[in-house]
Amino acid sequence: MGRTYSLYEAKARFSEIMRRVREGQTVTVSYHGEPVAEIRPVSPSRTVEERLDQLQQRGLLSPPPATKPDWQPLARRPGALKRFLRDRE
């Protein structure tokens, strides 16, 4: 079970709060008696794919487009980069 700290207490007892969170507890921070923040342990994702799925479900990440754009090369002749760099000198 977590504990509630006022904002002033949370600033003064930050190390204690972090110890509680490391132990698996959830801590609530209040401002003028109203809860405004919750500090809780992070639940690690097992794979990158799971984390990406979580972000998509929360609406923080958009899925990639279904089709890839048809990219066309900008340089029509081979060696365009070499010529460009030579012209800059």
N, C-alpha and C. Protein backbone atom coordinates (compact mmCIF):
# COMPACT_ATOMS: atom_id res chain seq x y z
N MET A 1 0.85 -1.18 0.00
CA MET A 1 0.00 0.00 0.00
C MET A 1 0.89 1.24 0.00
N GLY A 2 0.54 2.22 -0.79
CA GLY A 2 1.36 3.41 -0.92
C GLY A 2 1.05 4.45 0.15
N ARG A 3 1.83 5.48 0.13
CA ARG A 3 1.69 6.56 1.09
C ARG A 3 1.52 7.86 0.32
N THR A 4 0.90 8.85 0.94
CA THR A 4 0.72 10.16 0.33
C THR A 4 1.63 11.17 1.01
N TYR A 5 2.34 11.94 0.19
CA TYR A 5 3.22 13.00 0.67
C TYR A 5 2.73 14.32 0.10
N SER A 6 2.85 15.38 0.89
CA SER A 6 2.59 16.70 0.34
C SER A 6 3.76 17.06 -0.58
N LEU A 7 3.58 18.05 -1.39
CA LEU A 7 4.65 18.45 -2.30
C LEU A 7 5.90 18.84 -1.51
N TYR A 8 5.72 19.55 -0.43
CA TYR A 8 6.85 19.97 0.40
C TYR A 8 7.58 18.75 0.97
N GLU A 9 6.81 17.78 1.50
CA GLU A 9 7.42 16.57 2.04
C GLU A 9 8.13 15.76 0.95
N ALA A 10 7.51 15.70 -0.22
CA ALA A 10 8.09 14.92 -1.32
C ALA A 10 9.45 15.48 -1.71
N LYS A 11 9.57 16.81 -1.73
CA LYS A 11 10.87 17.41 -2.06
C LYS A 11 11.88 17.10 -0.97
N ALA A 12 11.47 17.17 0.28
CA ALA A 12 12.38 16.96 1.40
C ALA A 12 12.75 15.49 1.58
N ARG A 13 11.88 14.58 1.18
CA ARG A 13 12.10 13.14 1.42
C ARG A 13 12.18 12.35 0.12
N PHE A 14 12.78 12.93 -0.89
CA PHE A 14 12.83 12.28 -2.20
C PHE A 14 13.53 10.93 -2.15
N SER A 15 14.63 10.84 -1.40
CA SER A 15 15.35 9.56 -1.30
C SER A 15 14.47 8.49 -0.66
N GLU A 16 13.72 8.85 0.36
CA GLU A 16 12.82 7.90 1.01
C GLU A 16 11.74 7.43 0.04
N ILE A 17 11.23 8.36 -0.75
CA ILE A 17 10.20 8.01 -1.73
C ILE A 17 10.77 7.04 -2.76
N MET A 18 11.97 7.32 -3.24
CA MET A 18 12.58 6.43 -4.24
C MET A 18 12.83 5.04 -3.65
N ARG A 19 13.19 4.97 -2.38
CA ARG A 19 13.39 3.67 -1.73
C ARG A 19 12.08 2.90 -1.71
N ARG A 20 11.00 3.58 -1.36
CA ARG A 20 9.69 2.93 -1.34
C ARG A 20 9.29 2.43 -2.74
N VAL A 21 9.55 3.24 -3.74
CA VAL A 21 9.20 2.86 -5.11
C VAL A 21 10.03 1.66 -5.55
N ARG A 22 11.32 1.66 -5.22
CA ARG A 22 12.17 0.51 -5.56
C ARG A 22 11.66 -0.77 -4.89
N GLU A 23 11.05 -0.63 -3.73
CA GLU A 23 10.49 -1.78 -3.02
C GLU A 23 9.15 -2.22 -3.61
N GLY A 24 8.65 -1.48 -4.58
CA GLY A 24 7.41 -1.87 -5.25
C GLY A 24 6.19 -1.09 -4.83
N GLN A 25 6.33 -0.12 -3.96
CA GLN A 25 5.19 0.67 -3.50
C GLN A 25 4.88 1.80 -4.47
N THR A 26 3.65 2.26 -4.41
CA THR A 26 3.23 3.43 -5.17
C THR A 26 3.07 4.59 -4.20
N VAL A 27 3.60 5.75 -4.57
CA VAL A 27 3.56 6.93 -3.71
C VAL A 27 2.75 8.01 -4.43
N THR A 28 1.87 8.67 -3.68
CA THR A 28 1.06 9.76 -4.21
C THR A 28 1.59 11.08 -3.66
N VAL A 29 1.65 12.09 -4.53
CA VAL A 29 2.08 13.43 -4.12
C VAL A 29 0.84 14.33 -4.22
N SER A 30 0.61 15.10 -3.14
CA SER A 30 -0.56 15.98 -3.13
C SER A 30 -0.13 17.44 -3.07
N TYR A 31 -1.03 18.30 -3.54
CA TYR A 31 -0.82 19.74 -3.50
C TYR A 31 -2.07 20.34 -2.89
N HIS A 32 -1.95 20.98 -1.76
CA HIS A 32 -3.09 21.52 -1.01
C HIS A 32 -4.14 20.44 -0.73
N GLY A 33 -3.66 19.24 -0.39
CA GLY A 33 -4.56 18.15 -0.03
C GLY A 33 -5.15 17.37 -1.18
N GLU A 34 -4.93 17.81 -2.42
CA GLU A 34 -5.46 17.12 -3.61
C GLU A 34 -4.36 16.31 -4.27
N PRO A 35 -4.57 15.03 -4.54
CA PRO A 35 -3.55 14.23 -5.23
C PRO A 35 -3.30 14.78 -6.63
N VAL A 36 -2.01 14.98 -6.97
CA VAL A 36 -1.67 15.52 -8.28
C VAL A 36 -0.71 14.62 -9.05
N ALA A 37 -0.01 13.72 -8.37
CA ALA A 37 0.95 12.87 -9.06
C ALA A 37 1.06 11.54 -8.35
N GLU A 38 1.46 10.55 -9.13
CA GLU A 38 1.67 9.22 -8.58
C GLU A 38 3.04 8.74 -9.06
N ILE A 39 3.84 8.28 -8.14
CA ILE A 39 5.16 7.74 -8.47
C ILE A 39 5.09 6.25 -8.21
N ARG A 40 5.34 5.47 -9.24
CA ARG A 40 5.22 4.01 -9.11
C ARG A 40 6.36 3.33 -9.85
N PRO A 41 6.62 2.07 -9.53
CA PRO A 41 7.68 1.35 -10.23
C PRO A 41 7.34 1.19 -11.71
N VAL A 42 8.36 1.17 -12.51
CA VAL A 42 8.19 0.97 -13.95
C VAL A 42 8.08 -0.52 -14.20
N SER A 43 7.10 -0.91 -15.00
CA SER A 43 6.99 -2.32 -15.37
C SER A 43 7.70 -2.50 -16.71
N PRO A 44 8.84 -3.17 -16.69
CA PRO A 44 9.62 -3.30 -17.92
C PRO A 44 8.93 -4.17 -18.97
N SER A 45 9.03 -3.79 -20.21
CA SER A 45 8.53 -4.60 -21.32
C SER A 45 9.56 -5.65 -21.65
N ARG A 46 9.09 -6.77 -22.13
CA ARG A 46 10.01 -7.86 -22.43
C ARG A 46 10.71 -7.67 -23.78
N THR A 47 10.01 -7.13 -24.74
CA THR A 47 10.61 -6.96 -26.06
C THR A 47 10.28 -5.57 -26.60
N VAL A 48 11.00 -5.19 -27.61
CA VAL A 48 10.75 -3.90 -28.27
C VAL A 48 9.36 -3.91 -28.90
N GLU A 49 8.98 -5.04 -29.48
CA GLU A 49 7.67 -5.13 -30.13
C GLU A 49 6.54 -4.90 -29.13
N GLU A 50 6.68 -5.47 -27.91
CA GLU A 50 5.65 -5.26 -26.89
C GLU A 50 5.57 -3.79 -26.50
N ARG A 51 6.72 -3.14 -26.37
CA ARG A 51 6.73 -1.72 -26.00
C ARG A 51 6.10 -0.87 -27.11
N LEU A 52 6.41 -1.18 -28.37
CA LEU A 52 5.81 -0.45 -29.49
C LEU A 52 4.29 -0.65 -29.50
N ASP A 53 3.84 -1.87 -29.23
CA ASP A 53 2.40 -2.13 -29.16
C ASP A 53 1.75 -1.31 -28.06
N GLN A 54 2.41 -1.23 -26.90
CA GLN A 54 1.87 -0.43 -25.79
C GLN A 54 1.74 1.04 -26.19
N LEU A 55 2.77 1.56 -26.84
CA LEU A 55 2.74 2.97 -27.25
C LEU A 55 1.64 3.23 -28.29
N GLN A 56 1.44 2.27 -29.21
CA GLN A 56 0.37 2.42 -30.20
C GLN A 56 -1.00 2.38 -29.54
N GLN A 57 -1.18 1.49 -28.57
CA GLN A 57 -2.46 1.39 -27.88
C GLN A 57 -2.77 2.66 -27.10
N ARG A 58 -1.75 3.31 -26.55
CA ARG A 58 -1.96 4.54 -25.80
C ARG A 58 -2.11 5.75 -26.72
N GLY A 59 -1.91 5.57 -28.03
CA GLY A 59 -2.06 6.66 -28.98
C GLY A 59 -0.84 7.56 -29.06
N LEU A 60 0.30 7.12 -28.53
CA LEU A 60 1.51 7.93 -28.55
C LEU A 60 2.39 7.63 -29.76
N LEU A 61 2.06 6.60 -30.50
CA LEU A 61 2.84 6.20 -31.65
C LEU A 61 1.89 5.77 -32.75
N SER A 62 2.15 6.20 -33.95
CA SER A 62 1.32 5.80 -35.09
C SER A 62 1.96 4.61 -35.78
N PRO A 63 1.15 3.68 -36.25
CA PRO A 63 1.73 2.55 -36.99
C PRO A 63 2.31 3.02 -38.31
N PRO A 64 3.27 2.29 -38.84
CA PRO A 64 3.86 2.69 -40.13
C PRO A 64 2.84 2.55 -41.24
N PRO A 65 3.02 3.29 -42.33
CA PRO A 65 2.08 3.17 -43.45
C PRO A 65 2.13 1.77 -44.04
N ALA A 66 0.99 1.33 -44.58
CA ALA A 66 0.91 -0.03 -45.12
C ALA A 66 1.80 -0.21 -46.35
N THR A 67 1.92 0.82 -47.16
CA THR A 67 2.77 0.71 -48.36
C THR A 67 3.92 1.68 -48.25
N LYS A 68 5.03 1.28 -48.81
CA LYS A 68 6.20 2.16 -48.81
C LYS A 68 6.08 3.15 -49.97
N PRO A 69 6.53 4.38 -49.76
CA PRO A 69 6.48 5.34 -50.85
C PRO A 69 7.42 4.94 -51.98
N ASP A 70 7.06 5.33 -53.17
CA ASP A 70 7.89 5.02 -54.35
C ASP A 70 8.94 6.12 -54.48
N TRP A 71 10.11 5.86 -53.95
CA TRP A 71 11.19 6.84 -53.98
C TRP A 71 11.88 6.83 -55.33
N GLN A 72 12.14 8.00 -55.84
CA GLN A 72 12.84 8.15 -57.10
C GLN A 72 14.20 8.79 -56.82
N PRO A 73 15.26 8.32 -57.45
CA PRO A 73 16.57 8.93 -57.22
C PRO A 73 16.58 10.37 -57.73
N LEU A 74 17.28 11.22 -56.97
CA LEU A 74 17.38 12.62 -57.37
C LEU A 74 18.44 12.82 -58.44
N ALA A 75 19.52 12.06 -58.36
CA ALA A 75 20.60 12.19 -59.33
C ALA A 75 20.33 11.25 -60.50
N ARG A 76 20.37 11.81 -61.69
CA ARG A 76 20.10 10.99 -62.86
C ARG A 76 21.37 10.36 -63.43
N ARG A 77 22.51 10.93 -63.06
CA ARG A 77 23.77 10.38 -63.58
C ARG A 77 24.62 9.90 -62.42
N PRO A 78 25.38 8.82 -62.60
CA PRO A 78 26.28 8.36 -61.55
C PRO A 78 27.35 9.41 -61.27
N GLY A 79 27.80 9.49 -60.03
CA GLY A 79 28.86 10.41 -59.66
C GLY A 79 28.38 11.80 -59.32
N ALA A 80 27.07 11.98 -59.12
CA ALA A 80 26.53 13.30 -58.84
C ALA A 80 27.06 13.85 -57.51
N LEU A 81 27.21 12.99 -56.52
CA LEU A 81 27.73 13.44 -55.24
C LEU A 81 29.16 13.93 -55.37
N LYS A 82 29.96 13.21 -56.13
CA LYS A 82 31.36 13.62 -56.34
C LYS A 82 31.42 14.98 -57.02
N ARG A 83 30.60 15.18 -58.04
CA ARG A 83 30.58 16.46 -58.73
C ARG A 83 30.10 17.57 -57.82
N PHE A 84 29.09 17.30 -57.02
CA PHE A 84 28.58 18.29 -56.09
C PHE A 84 29.65 18.72 -55.09
N LEU A 85 30.34 17.77 -54.51
CA LEU A 85 31.39 18.08 -53.54
C LEU A 85 32.55 18.82 -54.20
N ARG A 86 32.90 18.45 -55.43
CA ARG A 86 33.97 19.13 -56.15
C ARG A 86 33.59 20.57 -56.43
N ASP A 87 32.34 20.82 -56.81
CA ASP A 87 31.89 22.18 -57.11
C ASP A 87 31.86 23.07 -55.88
N ARG A 88 31.73 22.48 -54.69
CA ARG A 88 31.69 23.27 -53.45
C ARG A 88 33.06 23.81 -53.07
N GLU A 89 34.10 23.22 -53.57
CA GLU A 89 35.47 23.66 -53.20
C GLU A 89 35.87 24.95 -53.84
